[in-house]
Amino acid sequence: MPVILNIETSAHTCSVALSAEGMILKHYEEFENRNHATVLSDMIKGCLDFLEEREVKLEAIAVSMGPGSYTGLRIGLSEAKGLAYGLDLPLIGIDTLKLMSSQVMFAREDITEDTIFIPMVDARRMEVYTAAYDMTLEPITNPGPMILDEHSYEKILAMGRPVMFFGDGAEKACQFMTAPNAIYVPGCDPLAVGMVALSELAYSRREFIDLAYSTPNYLKDFQATRPKSLLDKASC
């Protein structure tokens, strides 16, 4: 299997991981610092230095494509594109929701063949970016934004199959997920080490993305907010 540099910047955590044959050769993770632009380049350099010292050739770059943080996704994809172009390597795009689902599959021991996986990326207020997948990561519901309420996923929960909810968006969904088959999985941050199975599969299938025209999968248009003026605040 190829040596792949995996890059994940879609959430508050910034991480990179070198992989080959399903194994992690080197990885870095920063959980506290939200300034991905500051730490990502040093993480990548550490991985490249590791390969150079061992005279191992890098064969592909993989990057998490979202949904997630607008800024984080832009930083990650820009770094990945520049590196892939400079080293003349193929670029692999990994769906963040599938990445999170894959992480849960490998981490849990209570998964059955009929389990449904529902990753949730936090958006504003009661909104999340989400989807529903089966064990093969085929979508039961397609990725998209959702406003959470008591009817969210009631049709899927009514199927009676185990349904796992996870991601930072799932924390605010717990109040609505009261069905006995709803399972909340805490602490599921998307990480580069969780990309390995998906990036190696994409490489084997030659599923590469365009270096010039690929863009992050935001799932909705960016909406900038105007800071309140002193006059606005006085009128509140």
Protein backbone atom coordinates (compact mmCIF):
# COMPACT_ATOMS: atom_id res chain seq x y z
CA MET A 1 0.00 0.00 0.00
CA PRO A 2 1.15 3.59 -0.62
CA VAL A 3 2.67 6.02 1.85
CA ILE A 4 0.05 8.74 2.36
CA LEU A 5 0.15 12.01 4.27
CA ASN A 6 -3.29 12.57 5.82
CA ILE A 7 -4.34 16.11 6.82
CA GLU A 8 -7.37 16.95 9.00
CA THR A 9 -8.31 20.57 9.81
CA SER A 10 -12.11 20.59 9.66
CA ALA A 11 -12.69 21.08 13.41
CA HIS A 12 -10.94 22.68 16.40
CA THR A 13 -8.33 19.90 16.36
CA CYS A 14 -5.50 20.09 13.82
CA SER A 15 -3.80 16.81 12.94
CA VAL A 16 -1.66 15.03 10.36
CA ALA A 17 -0.71 11.37 10.02
CA LEU A 18 1.65 9.39 7.82
CA SER A 19 0.28 5.96 6.92
CA ALA A 20 1.32 2.88 4.97
CA GLU A 21 -0.33 -0.54 4.76
CA GLY A 22 -2.96 0.49 7.27
CA MET A 23 -0.37 1.47 9.87
CA ILE A 24 0.48 4.88 11.33
CA LEU A 25 4.13 5.77 10.75
CA LYS A 26 4.06 9.23 12.35
CA HIS A 27 1.34 11.56 13.54
CA TYR A 28 0.79 14.93 15.21
CA GLU A 29 -2.32 16.28 16.94
CA GLU A 30 -3.00 19.72 18.42
CA PHE A 31 -6.17 19.87 20.52
CA GLU A 32 -5.80 23.24 22.22
CA ASN A 33 -4.54 25.68 19.60
CA ARG A 34 -7.28 26.69 17.16
CA ASN A 35 -4.83 28.53 14.89
CA HIS A 36 -4.33 25.76 12.33
CA ALA A 37 -2.29 28.07 10.10
CA THR A 38 0.37 28.28 12.84
CA VAL A 39 0.80 24.59 13.61
CA LEU A 40 -0.05 22.73 10.39
CA SER A 41 3.10 23.54 8.42
CA ASP A 42 5.36 22.34 11.27
CA MET A 43 3.36 19.10 11.56
CA ILE A 44 3.74 18.45 7.84
CA LYS A 45 7.45 19.24 7.96
CA GLY A 46 7.87 16.76 10.82
CA CYS A 47 6.29 14.02 8.71
CA LEU A 48 8.37 14.86 5.64
CA ASP A 49 11.55 14.92 7.72
CA PHE A 50 10.62 11.49 9.10
CA LEU A 51 10.36 10.11 5.55
CA GLU A 52 13.56 11.77 4.39
CA GLU A 53 15.56 10.35 7.29
CA ARG A 54 14.40 6.85 6.31
CA GLU A 55 14.62 7.43 2.55
CA VAL A 56 10.94 6.59 2.14
CA LYS A 57 8.97 8.09 -0.73
CA LEU A 58 5.65 9.85 -0.17
CA GLU A 59 3.06 8.73 -2.73
CA ALA A 60 -0.12 10.73 -2.07
CA ILE A 61 -1.71 13.50 -0.02
CA ALA A 62 -5.15 13.10 1.58
CA VAL A 63 -7.15 15.94 3.09
CA SER A 64 -10.45 16.16 4.93
CA MET A 65 -12.89 18.10 2.72
CA GLY A 66 -15.64 18.95 5.20
CA PRO A 67 -18.15 19.84 6.29
CA GLY A 68 -16.66 21.80 9.15
CA SER A 69 -14.93 25.06 9.92
CA TYR A 70 -14.75 27.34 6.88
CA THR A 71 -11.34 28.66 7.89
CA GLY A 72 -9.94 25.30 8.91
CA LEU A 73 -11.04 23.60 5.70
CA ARG A 74 -9.51 26.34 3.55
CA ILE A 75 -6.21 26.11 5.41
CA GLY A 76 -6.03 22.33 5.12
CA LEU A 77 -6.95 22.16 1.45
CA SER A 78 -4.56 24.98 0.53
CA GLU A 79 -1.66 23.23 2.25
CA ALA A 80 -2.59 19.89 0.67
CA LYS A 81 -2.89 21.38 -2.82
CA GLY A 82 0.43 23.21 -2.56
CA LEU A 83 2.21 20.11 -1.33
CA ALA A 84 0.65 17.81 -3.92
CA TYR A 85 1.51 20.27 -6.71
CA GLY A 86 5.07 20.83 -5.51
CA LEU A 87 5.79 17.13 -5.10
CA ASP A 88 3.78 16.06 -8.16
CA LEU A 89 1.56 13.74 -6.09
CA PRO A 90 -2.12 12.81 -6.40
CA LEU A 91 -4.57 14.48 -4.02
CA ILE A 92 -7.32 12.53 -2.20
CA GLY A 93 -10.38 14.22 -0.72
CA ILE A 94 -12.00 12.58 2.32
CA ASP A 95 -15.57 13.37 3.42
CA THR A 96 -15.44 14.45 7.07
CA LEU A 97 -18.77 12.83 7.98
CA LYS A 98 -17.59 9.49 6.59
CA LEU A 99 -14.28 9.95 8.41
CA MET A 100 -16.09 10.38 11.73
CA SER A 101 -18.26 7.33 11.02
CA SER A 102 -15.20 5.25 10.19
CA GLN A 103 -13.55 6.28 13.46
CA VAL A 104 -16.57 5.14 15.46
CA MET A 105 -16.69 1.81 13.58
CA PHE A 106 -13.09 1.05 14.53
CA ALA A 107 -13.41 2.30 18.11
CA ARG A 108 -16.59 0.55 19.28
CA GLU A 109 -17.14 -3.10 20.10
CA ASP A 110 -20.94 -2.94 20.36
CA ILE A 111 -21.60 -2.43 16.65
CA THR A 112 -23.89 -4.80 14.77
CA GLU A 113 -24.42 -5.21 11.05
CA ASP A 114 -27.62 -3.15 11.14
CA THR A 115 -26.13 -0.21 13.07
CA ILE A 116 -26.80 3.23 11.61
CA PHE A 117 -24.14 5.92 12.00
CA ILE A 118 -25.11 9.58 12.31
CA PRO A 119 -22.20 12.03 12.49
CA MET A 120 -23.06 15.61 13.49
CA VAL A 121 -20.83 18.64 12.96
CA ASP A 122 -21.88 21.63 15.03
CA ALA A 123 -23.13 24.68 13.17
CA ARG A 124 -24.87 27.75 14.53
CA ARG A 125 -27.53 27.56 17.22
CA MET A 126 -29.52 24.32 16.81
CA GLU A 127 -28.16 23.54 13.34
CA VAL A 128 -25.79 20.71 12.45
CA TYR A 129 -24.22 19.26 9.32
CA THR A 130 -25.16 15.61 9.28
CA ALA A 131 -25.94 12.43 7.35
CA ALA A 132 -26.83 8.81 8.09
CA TYR A 133 -24.72 5.84 6.93
CA ASP A 134 -24.90 2.08 7.09
CA MET A 135 -21.97 -0.26 7.82
CA THR A 136 -20.63 0.12 4.27
CA LEU A 137 -20.77 3.93 4.53
CA GLU A 138 -23.55 4.05 1.98
CA PRO A 139 -25.80 7.04 2.75
CA ILE A 140 -29.23 6.36 4.20
CA THR A 141 -29.76 10.12 4.21
CA ASN A 142 -27.50 12.39 2.19
CA PRO A 143 -25.21 14.96 3.84
CA GLY A 144 -26.73 18.35 4.50
CA PRO A 145 -27.56 20.99 7.11
CA MET A 146 -30.33 20.22 9.61
CA ILE A 147 -32.17 22.24 12.25
CA LEU A 148 -32.55 19.96 15.25
CA ASP A 149 -35.95 19.43 16.84
CA GLU A 150 -38.01 16.59 18.30
CA HIS A 151 -38.70 15.23 14.79
CA SER A 152 -35.06 14.95 13.74
CA TYR A 153 -34.34 11.41 12.55
CA GLU A 154 -37.61 10.09 13.95
CA LYS A 155 -38.15 7.97 10.82
CA ILE A 156 -34.71 6.37 11.18
CA LEU A 157 -35.16 5.78 14.91
CA ALA A 158 -38.58 4.23 14.20
CA MET A 159 -36.81 1.51 12.19
CA GLY A 160 -35.71 -0.02 15.50
CA ARG A 161 -32.08 -0.45 14.46
CA PRO A 162 -29.23 0.75 16.71
CA VAL A 163 -28.51 4.39 15.82
CA MET A 164 -25.24 5.97 16.93
CA PHE A 165 -25.01 9.78 17.19
CA PHE A 166 -21.58 11.38 17.50
CA GLY A 167 -19.57 14.52 16.83
CA ASP A 168 -19.62 17.92 18.50
CA GLY A 169 -23.08 18.57 17.06
CA ALA A 170 -24.52 15.48 18.73
CA GLU A 171 -24.08 17.03 22.16
CA LYS A 172 -26.97 19.43 21.58
CA ALA A 173 -29.03 16.72 19.87
CA CYS A 174 -29.13 14.49 22.96
CA GLN A 175 -32.23 16.20 24.32
CA PHE A 176 -34.18 15.03 21.27
CA MET A 177 -32.72 11.52 20.99
CA THR A 178 -34.76 9.74 23.67
CA ALA A 179 -35.60 6.54 21.77
CA PRO A 180 -34.20 3.37 23.40
CA ASN A 181 -32.19 2.54 20.27
CA ALA A 182 -30.46 5.96 20.20
CA ILE A 183 -26.83 5.69 21.32
CA TYR A 184 -24.77 8.80 22.03
CA VAL A 185 -21.01 8.37 21.43
CA PRO A 186 -18.97 11.10 23.17
CA GLY A 187 -15.60 12.48 22.17
CA CYS A 188 -15.55 11.90 18.42
CA ASP A 189 -13.24 14.57 17.00
CA PRO A 190 -12.25 13.99 13.37
CA LEU A 191 -8.56 13.08 13.32
CA ALA A 192 -5.99 12.38 10.61
CA VAL A 193 -5.26 8.94 12.07
CA GLY A 194 -8.91 8.05 11.37
CA MET A 195 -8.52 8.88 7.67
CA VAL A 196 -6.18 5.98 6.89
CA ALA A 197 -8.69 3.31 5.82
CA LEU A 198 -10.59 5.78 3.62
CA SER A 199 -7.52 7.35 2.02
CA GLU A 200 -5.93 3.99 1.23
CA LEU A 201 -9.21 2.77 -0.28
CA ALA A 202 -9.47 5.91 -2.40
CA TYR A 203 -5.87 5.47 -3.56
CA SER A 204 -6.48 1.86 -4.58
CA ARG A 205 -9.48 3.01 -6.62
CA ARG A 206 -7.54 5.95 -8.11
CA GLU A 207 -10.16 8.34 -6.74
CA PHE A 208 -8.21 11.59 -6.85
CA ILE A 209 -9.47 15.17 -6.84
CA ASP A 210 -8.49 18.05 -9.10
CA LEU A 211 -5.62 20.19 -7.81
CA ALA A 212 -6.93 23.34 -9.45
CA TYR A 213 -10.69 23.25 -9.04
CA SER A 214 -11.51 21.17 -5.95
CA THR A 215 -13.13 23.12 -3.11
CA PRO A 216 -14.15 22.25 0.47
CA ASN A 217 -17.56 20.67 0.99
CA TYR A 218 -19.14 23.37 3.15
CA LEU A 219 -22.72 22.03 2.62
CA LYS A 220 -24.03 25.61 2.82
CA ASP A 221 -22.86 29.05 1.75
CA PHE A 222 -20.67 31.04 4.09
CA GLN A 223 -22.61 33.73 5.95
CA ALA A 224 -20.58 36.53 7.43
CA THR A 225 -22.03 38.41 10.37
CA ARG A 226 -21.72 42.15 10.92
CA PRO A 227 -20.38 43.11 14.37
CA LYS A 228 -22.85 45.17 16.34
CA SER A 229 -22.07 48.88 16.52
CA LEU A 230 -22.25 50.80 19.77
CA LEU A 231 -25.57 52.22 18.57
CA ASP A 232 -26.93 48.69 17.93
CA LYS A 233 -25.87 47.59 21.40
CA ALA A 234 -27.45 50.62 23.01
CA SER A 235 -30.78 49.80 21.40
CA CYS A 236 -30.84 46.19 22.67
